[in-house]
C-alpha atoms as a PDB file:
ATOM      1  CA  UNK A   1     -33.281 -13.651 -25.051  1.00  0.00           C
ATOM      2  CA  UNK A   2     -31.868 -16.039 -22.430  1.00  0.00           C
ATOM      3  CA  UNK A   3     -29.628 -17.757 -24.996  1.00  0.00           C
ATOM      4  CA  UNK A   4     -28.223 -14.361 -26.038  1.00  0.00           C
ATOM      5  CA  UNK A   5     -27.302 -13.572 -22.425  1.00  0.00           C
ATOM      6  CA  UNK A   6     -25.697 -17.000 -21.973  1.00  0.00           C
ATOM      7  CA  UNK A   7     -23.588 -16.645 -25.121  1.00  0.00           C
ATOM      8  CA  UNK A   8     -22.501 -13.128 -24.117  1.00  0.00           C
ATOM      9  CA  UNK A   9     -21.522 -14.399 -20.668  1.00  0.00           C
ATOM     10  CA  UNK A  10     -19.600 -17.309 -22.199  1.00  0.00           C
ATOM     11  CA  UNK A  11     -17.573 -14.921 -24.389  1.00  0.00           C
ATOM     12  CA  UNK A  12     -16.804 -12.404 -21.626  1.00  0.00           C
ATOM     13  CA  UNK A  13     -13.661 -12.976 -19.604  1.00  0.00           C
ATOM     14  CA  UNK A  14     -14.258 -14.307 -16.117  1.00  0.00           C
ATOM     15  CA  UNK A  15     -13.358 -12.316 -13.041  1.00  0.00           C
ATOM     16  CA  UNK A  16     -10.565 -14.778 -12.282  1.00  0.00           C
ATOM     17  CA  UNK A  17      -9.039 -14.409 -15.739  1.00  0.00           C
ATOM     18  CA  UNK A  18      -9.076 -10.600 -15.350  1.00  0.00           C
ATOM     19  CA  UNK A  19      -7.311 -10.878 -11.982  1.00  0.00           C
ATOM     20  CA  UNK A  20      -4.695 -13.269 -13.387  1.00  0.00           C
ATOM     21  CA  UNK A  21      -4.119 -10.981 -16.375  1.00  0.00           C
ATOM     22  CA  UNK A  22      -3.477  -8.090 -13.977  1.00  0.00           C
ATOM     23  CA  UNK A  23      -1.167 -10.140 -11.725  1.00  0.00           C
ATOM     24  CA  UNK A  24       0.878 -11.396 -14.690  1.00  0.00           C
ATOM     25  CA  UNK A  25       1.042  -8.034 -16.499  1.00  0.00           C
ATOM     26  CA  UNK A  26       4.386  -6.774 -17.714  1.00  0.00           C
ATOM     27  CA  UNK A  27       6.718  -5.873 -16.116  1.00  0.00           C
ATOM     28  CA  UNK A  28       6.809  -8.760 -13.653  1.00  0.00           C
ATOM     29  CA  UNK A  29       7.521  -7.159 -10.272  1.00  0.00           C
ATOM     30  CA  UNK A  30      10.003  -9.768  -9.046  1.00  0.00           C
ATOM     31  CA  UNK A  31      12.343  -8.410  -6.373  1.00  0.00           C
ATOM     32  CA  UNK A  32      15.833  -9.790  -5.828  1.00  0.00           C
ATOM     33  CA  UNK A  33      17.560  -9.812  -2.456  1.00  0.00           C
ATOM     34  CA  UNK A  34      14.604  -8.343  -0.549  1.00  0.00           C
ATOM     35  CA  UNK A  35      13.569  -9.810   2.793  1.00  0.00           C
ATOM     36  CA  UNK A  36      10.603  -7.558   3.633  1.00  0.00           C
ATOM     37  CA  UNK A  37       8.584  -4.490   2.690  1.00  0.00           C
ATOM     38  CA  UNK A  38       6.913  -2.267   5.298  1.00  0.00           C
ATOM     39  CA  UNK A  39       4.576   0.418   4.069  1.00  0.00           C
ATOM     40  CA  UNK A  40       2.694   3.110   5.968  1.00  0.00           C
ATOM     41  CA  UNK A  41       0.164   5.577   4.606  1.00  0.00           C
ATOM     42  CA  UNK A  42      -3.036   7.397   5.526  1.00  0.00           C
ATOM     43  CA  UNK A  43      -6.186   5.314   5.735  1.00  0.00           C
ATOM     44  CA  UNK A  44      -8.105   7.924   3.737  1.00  0.00           C
ATOM     45  CA  UNK A  45      -8.083  11.485   2.395  1.00  0.00           C
ATOM     46  CA  UNK A  46      -4.347  11.699   1.724  1.00  0.00           C
ATOM     47  CA  UNK A  47      -1.382   9.792   0.285  1.00  0.00           C
ATOM     48  CA  UNK A  48      -3.242   8.926  -2.915  1.00  0.00           C
ATOM     49  CA  UNK A  49      -0.250   7.523  -4.821  1.00  0.00           C
ATOM     50  CA  UNK A  50       0.713   5.273  -1.907  1.00  0.00           C
ATOM     51  CA  UNK A  51      -2.864   4.012  -1.535  1.00  0.00           C
ATOM     52  CA  UNK A  52      -3.112   3.290  -5.271  1.00  0.00           C
ATOM     53  CA  UNK A  53       0.261   1.495  -5.143  1.00  0.00           C
ATOM     54  CA  UNK A  54      -0.990  -0.675  -2.264  1.00  0.00           C
ATOM     55  CA  UNK A  55      -4.203  -1.518  -4.119  1.00  0.00           C
ATOM     56  CA  UNK A  56      -2.844  -2.082  -7.626  1.00  0.00           C
ATOM     57  CA  UNK A  57       0.842  -2.986  -7.323  1.00  0.00           C
ATOM     58  CA  UNK A  58       1.317  -4.763  -3.973  1.00  0.00           C
ATOM     59  CA  UNK A  59      -0.820  -7.724  -5.100  1.00  0.00           C
ATOM     60  CA  UNK A  60       1.434  -8.027  -8.191  1.00  0.00           C
ATOM     61  CA  UNK A  61       4.525  -7.884  -5.961  1.00  0.00           C
ATOM     62  CA  UNK A  62       3.039 -10.576  -3.682  1.00  0.00           C
ATOM     63  CA  UNK A  63       2.217 -12.744  -6.725  1.00  0.00           C
ATOM     64  CA  UNK A  64       5.776 -12.503  -8.062  1.00  0.00           C
ATOM     65  CA  UNK A  65       7.382 -12.894  -4.600  1.00  0.00           C
ATOM     66  CA  UNK A  66       5.275 -15.335  -2.561  1.00  0.00           C
ATOM     67  CA  UNK A  67       7.780 -15.690   0.288  1.00  0.00           C
ATOM     68  CA  UNK A  68       8.313 -11.932   0.736  1.00  0.00           C
ATOM     69  CA  UNK A  69       7.187 -10.485   4.090  1.00  0.00           C
ATOM     70  CA  UNK A  70       4.896  -7.525   3.312  1.00  0.00           C
ATOM     71  CA  UNK A  71       3.457  -5.379   6.096  1.00  0.00           C
ATOM     72  CA  UNK A  72       1.093  -2.483   5.482  1.00  0.00           C
ATOM     73  CA  UNK A  73      -0.049   0.039   8.068  1.00  0.00           C
ATOM     74  CA  UNK A  74      -3.029   2.174   7.161  1.00  0.00           C
ATOM     75  CA  UNK A  75      -3.091   4.858   9.829  1.00  0.00           C
ATOM     76  CA  UNK A  76      -5.863   7.296  10.587  1.00  0.00           C
ATOM     77  CA  UNK A  77      -4.670  10.795   9.796  1.00  0.00           C
ATOM     78  CA  UNK A  78      -6.280  14.026  10.882  1.00  0.00           C
ATOM     79  CA  UNK A  79      -6.277  17.017   8.559  1.00  0.00           C
ATOM     80  CA  UNK A  80      -3.982  18.840  11.001  1.00  0.00           C
ATOM     81  CA  UNK A  81      -1.419  16.028  11.049  1.00  0.00           C
ATOM     82  CA  UNK A  82       1.402  16.132   8.546  1.00  0.00           C
ATOM     83  CA  UNK A  83       3.538  13.074   7.965  1.00  0.00           C
ATOM     84  CA  UNK A  84       4.893  11.336   4.928  1.00  0.00           C
ATOM     85  CA  UNK A  85       3.921   7.883   3.669  1.00  0.00           C
ATOM     86  CA  UNK A  86       6.894   5.603   3.272  1.00  0.00           C
ATOM     87  CA  UNK A  87       8.051   2.233   2.034  1.00  0.00           C
ATOM     88  CA  UNK A  88      10.820   0.573   4.008  1.00  0.00           C
ATOM     89  CA  UNK A  89      12.740  -2.105   2.138  1.00  0.00           C
ATOM     90  CA  UNK A  90      14.800  -4.603   4.120  1.00  0.00           C
ATOM     91  CA  UNK A  91      17.335  -6.542   2.080  1.00  0.00           C
ATOM     92  CA  UNK A  92      18.531 -10.073   2.825  1.00  0.00           C
ATOM     93  CA  UNK A  93      22.007  -8.732   3.647  1.00  0.00           C
ATOM     94  CA  UNK A  94      20.504  -6.729   6.546  1.00  0.00           C
ATOM     95  CA  UNK A  95      20.608  -3.256   4.987  1.00  0.00           C
ATOM     96  CA  UNK A  96      17.501  -1.097   4.842  1.00  0.00           C
ATOM     97  CA  UNK A  97      16.366   1.614   2.473  1.00  0.00           C
ATOM     98  CA  UNK A  98      13.376   3.894   2.991  1.00  0.00           C
ATOM     99  CA  UNK A  99      11.490   5.485   0.107  1.00  0.00           C
ATOM    100  CA  UNK A 100       9.382   8.556   0.784  1.00  0.00           C
ATOM    101  CA  UNK A 101       6.099   8.138  -1.076  1.00  0.00           C
ATOM    102  CA  UNK A 102       4.927  11.699  -0.539  1.00  0.00           C
ATOM    103  CA  UNK A 103       3.345  13.274  -3.641  1.00  0.00           C
ATOM    104  CA  UNK A 104       4.341  10.351  -5.886  1.00  0.00           C
ATOM    105  CA  UNK A 105       2.232   8.420  -8.349  1.00  0.00           C
ATOM    106  CA  UNK A 106       2.042   4.657  -7.953  1.00  0.00           C
ATOM    107  CA  UNK A 107       3.941   4.220 -11.225  1.00  0.00           C
ATOM    108  CA  UNK A 108       6.801   6.327  -9.864  1.00  0.00           C
ATOM    109  CA  UNK A 109       6.843   4.242  -6.673  1.00  0.00           C
ATOM    110  CA  UNK A 110       7.010   1.021  -8.718  1.00  0.00           C
ATOM    111  CA  UNK A 111       9.882   2.369 -10.835  1.00  0.00           C
ATOM    112  CA  UNK A 112      11.853   3.484  -7.746  1.00  0.00           C
ATOM    113  CA  UNK A 113      11.317   0.150  -5.974  1.00  0.00           C
ATOM    114  CA  UNK A 114      12.320  -1.835  -9.037  1.00  0.00           C
ATOM    115  CA  UNK A 115      15.429   0.335  -9.524  1.00  0.00           C
ATOM    116  CA  UNK A 116      16.518  -0.678  -6.024  1.00  0.00           C
ATOM    117  CA  UNK A 117      15.603  -4.352  -6.101  1.00  0.00           C
ATOM    118  CA  UNK A 118      14.463  -5.388  -9.582  1.00  0.00           C
ATOM    119  CA  UNK A 119      17.744  -7.028 -10.515  1.00  0.00           C
ATOM    120  CA  UNK A 120      18.552  -8.419 -13.963  1.00  0.00           C
ATOM    121  CA  UNK A 121      14.911  -8.955 -15.116  1.00  0.00           C
ATOM    122  CA  UNK A 122      14.165  -5.268 -14.456  1.00  0.00           C
ATOM    123  CA  UNK A 123      17.272  -4.145 -16.364  1.00  0.00           C
ATOM    124  CA  UNK A 124      16.204  -6.310 -19.298  1.00  0.00           C
ATOM    125  CA  UNK A 125      12.679  -4.830 -19.184  1.00  0.00           C
ATOM    126  CA  UNK A 126      14.132  -1.296 -19.109  1.00  0.00           C
ATOM    127  CA  UNK A 127      16.259  -2.022 -22.179  1.00  0.00           C
ATOM    128  CA  UNK A 128      13.286  -3.516 -24.058  1.00  0.00           C
ATOM    129  CA  UNK A 129      11.099  -0.520 -23.132  1.00  0.00           C
ATOM    130  CA  UNK A 130      13.738   1.921 -24.295  1.00  0.00           C
ATOM    131  CA  UNK A 131      14.086   0.122 -27.654  1.00  0.00           C
ATOM    132  CA  UNK A 132      10.332  -0.193 -28.254  1.00  0.00           C
ATOM    133  CA  UNK A 133       9.493   3.274 -26.943  1.00  0.00           C
ATOM    134  CA  UNK A 134       6.932   1.822 -24.534  1.00  0.00           C
ATOM    135  CA  UNK A 135       6.576   3.322 -21.057  1.00  0.00           C
ATOM    136  CA  UNK A 136       8.661   1.646 -18.371  1.00  0.00           C
ATOM    137  CA  UNK A 137       5.566   1.109 -16.203  1.00  0.00           C
ATOM    138  CA  UNK A 138       2.095   1.256 -17.802  1.00  0.00           C
ATOM    139  CA  UNK A 139       0.396   4.512 -16.814  1.00  0.00           C
ATOM    140  CA  UNK A 140       3.706   6.288 -16.326  1.00  0.00           C
ATOM    141  CA  UNK A 141       3.146   8.464 -19.390  1.00  0.00           C
ATOM    142  CA  UNK A 142       0.157  10.111 -17.635  1.00  0.00           C
ATOM    143  CA  UNK A 143       2.078  10.966 -14.456  1.00  0.00           C
ATOM    144  CA  UNK A 144       2.791  14.656 -13.948  1.00  0.00           C
ATOM    145  CA  UNK A 145       6.360  15.875 -13.866  1.00  0.00           C
ATOM    146  CA  UNK A 146       7.838  15.778 -10.368  1.00  0.00           C
ATOM    147  CA  UNK A 147       7.254  18.938  -8.386  1.00  0.00           C
ATOM    148  CA  UNK A 148       9.860  20.474  -6.139  1.00  0.00           C
ATOM    149  CA  UNK A 149       9.632  18.810  -2.749  1.00  0.00           C
ATOM    150  CA  UNK A 150       7.817  20.612   0.016  1.00  0.00           C
ATOM    151  CA  UNK A 151       9.465  20.815   3.373  1.00  0.00           C
ATOM    152  CA  UNK A 152      10.463  17.358   4.480  1.00  0.00           C
ATOM    153  CA  UNK A 153       7.678  15.706   6.435  1.00  0.00           C
ATOM    154  CA  UNK A 154       8.407  13.189   9.185  1.00  0.00           C
ATOM    155  CA  UNK A 155       7.557   9.534   8.738  1.00  0.00           C
ATOM    156  CA  UNK A 156       4.577   8.095  10.605  1.00  0.00           C
ATOM    157  CA  UNK A 157       6.896   6.513  13.189  1.00  0.00           C
ATOM    158  CA  UNK A 158       8.740   9.798  13.849  1.00  0.00           C
ATOM    159  CA  UNK A 159       5.454  11.736  13.900  1.00  0.00           C
ATOM    160  CA  UNK A 160       4.082   9.412  16.588  1.00  0.00           C
ATOM    161  CA  UNK A 161       7.248   9.788  18.673  1.00  0.00           C
ATOM    162  CA  UNK A 162       7.175  13.598  18.560  1.00  0.00           C
ATOM    163  CA  UNK A 163       3.377  13.949  18.870  1.00  0.00           C
ATOM    164  CA  UNK A 164       2.184  11.413  21.440  1.00  0.00           C
ATOM    165  CA  UNK A 165      -1.553  10.869  21.377  1.00  0.00           C
ATOM    166  CA  UNK A 166      -3.442  12.248  24.293  1.00  0.00           C
ATOM    167  CA  UNK A 167      -6.232   9.793  24.876  1.00  0.00           C
ATOM    168  CA  UNK A 168      -9.298  11.271  26.545  1.00  0.00           C
ATOM    169  CA  UNK A 169     -10.131   9.719  29.875  1.00  0.00           C
ATOM    170  CA  UNK A 170     -13.298   7.635  29.682  1.00  0.00           C
ATOM    171  CA  UNK A 171     -16.318   8.924  31.570  1.00  0.00           C
ATOM    172  CA  UNK A 172     -16.813   5.618  33.313  1.00  0.00           C
ATOM    173  CA  UNK A 173     -14.447   2.667  33.385  1.00  0.00           C
ATOM    174  CA  UNK A 174     -15.590  -0.815  32.361  1.00  0.00           C
ATOM    175  CA  UNK A 175     -15.394  -2.362  35.894  1.00  0.00           C
ATOM    176  CA  UNK A 176     -17.631   0.404  37.253  1.00  0.00           C
ATOM    177  CA  UNK A 177     -20.184  -0.303  34.523  1.00  0.00           C
ATOM    178  CA  UNK A 178     -20.155  -4.022  35.363  1.00  0.00           C
ATOM    179  CA  UNK A 179     -20.564  -3.312  39.061  1.00  0.00           C
ATOM    180  CA  UNK A 180     -23.515  -1.013  38.402  1.00  0.00           C
ATOM    181  CA  UNK A 181     -25.203  -3.521  36.067  1.00  0.00           C
ATOM    182  CA  UNK A 182     -24.681  -6.295  38.637  1.00  0.00           C
ATOM    183  CA  UNK A 183     -26.342  -4.088  41.247  1.00  0.00           C
ATOM    184  CA  UNK A 184     -29.315  -3.497  38.904  1.00  0.00           C
ATOM    185  CA  UNK A 185     -29.618  -7.257  38.275  1.00  0.00           C
ATOM    186  CA  UNK A 186     -29.496  -8.023  41.989  1.00  0.00           C
ATOM    187  CA  UNK A 187     -32.159  -5.390  42.707  1.00  0.00           C
ATOM    188  CA  UNK A 188     -34.398  -6.698  39.940  1.00  0.00           C
ATOM    189  CA  UNK A 189     -34.267 -10.255  41.239  1.00  0.00           C
ATOM    190  CA  UNK A 190     -35.072  -9.267  44.863  1.00  0.00           C
END
């Protein structure tokens, strides 16, 4: 029984080999002329395509572009708040381009990013995919057809500027708590 388990474990791919297979999967997400990526999306309960992109594709982008500056902001979002997730791309020549990620699948986000910054390797991959009939990005064939855009939602940055948070005033400030606890300690020792 134990030898059967050992032989099955020896034949199964290791966790590391699975991770490396994912990171090296085709197409290689190498970006040309990109200085940084800044992404913002809801921490939970919204922006599903953006969250899936961050989980599945950003590690592949990091692997292919080790010196690329990647910043991700996962913001808490209330049900009543409406803002759009976005990916801001800063190029080495100083120009910036912002992609709205609202209602997009992660495969669509990858394709749009690579169209902007994939360079010659991406063009070659597109040509090979067209010839072979394979999807441009694996999983793309399952993506629904794009829906007409809803009213344009503001970005997280613009939403924060137009809807400043009103922070509730604390019932008791920290110095007052310390002063009261010091008084209790002094009374206890007397």
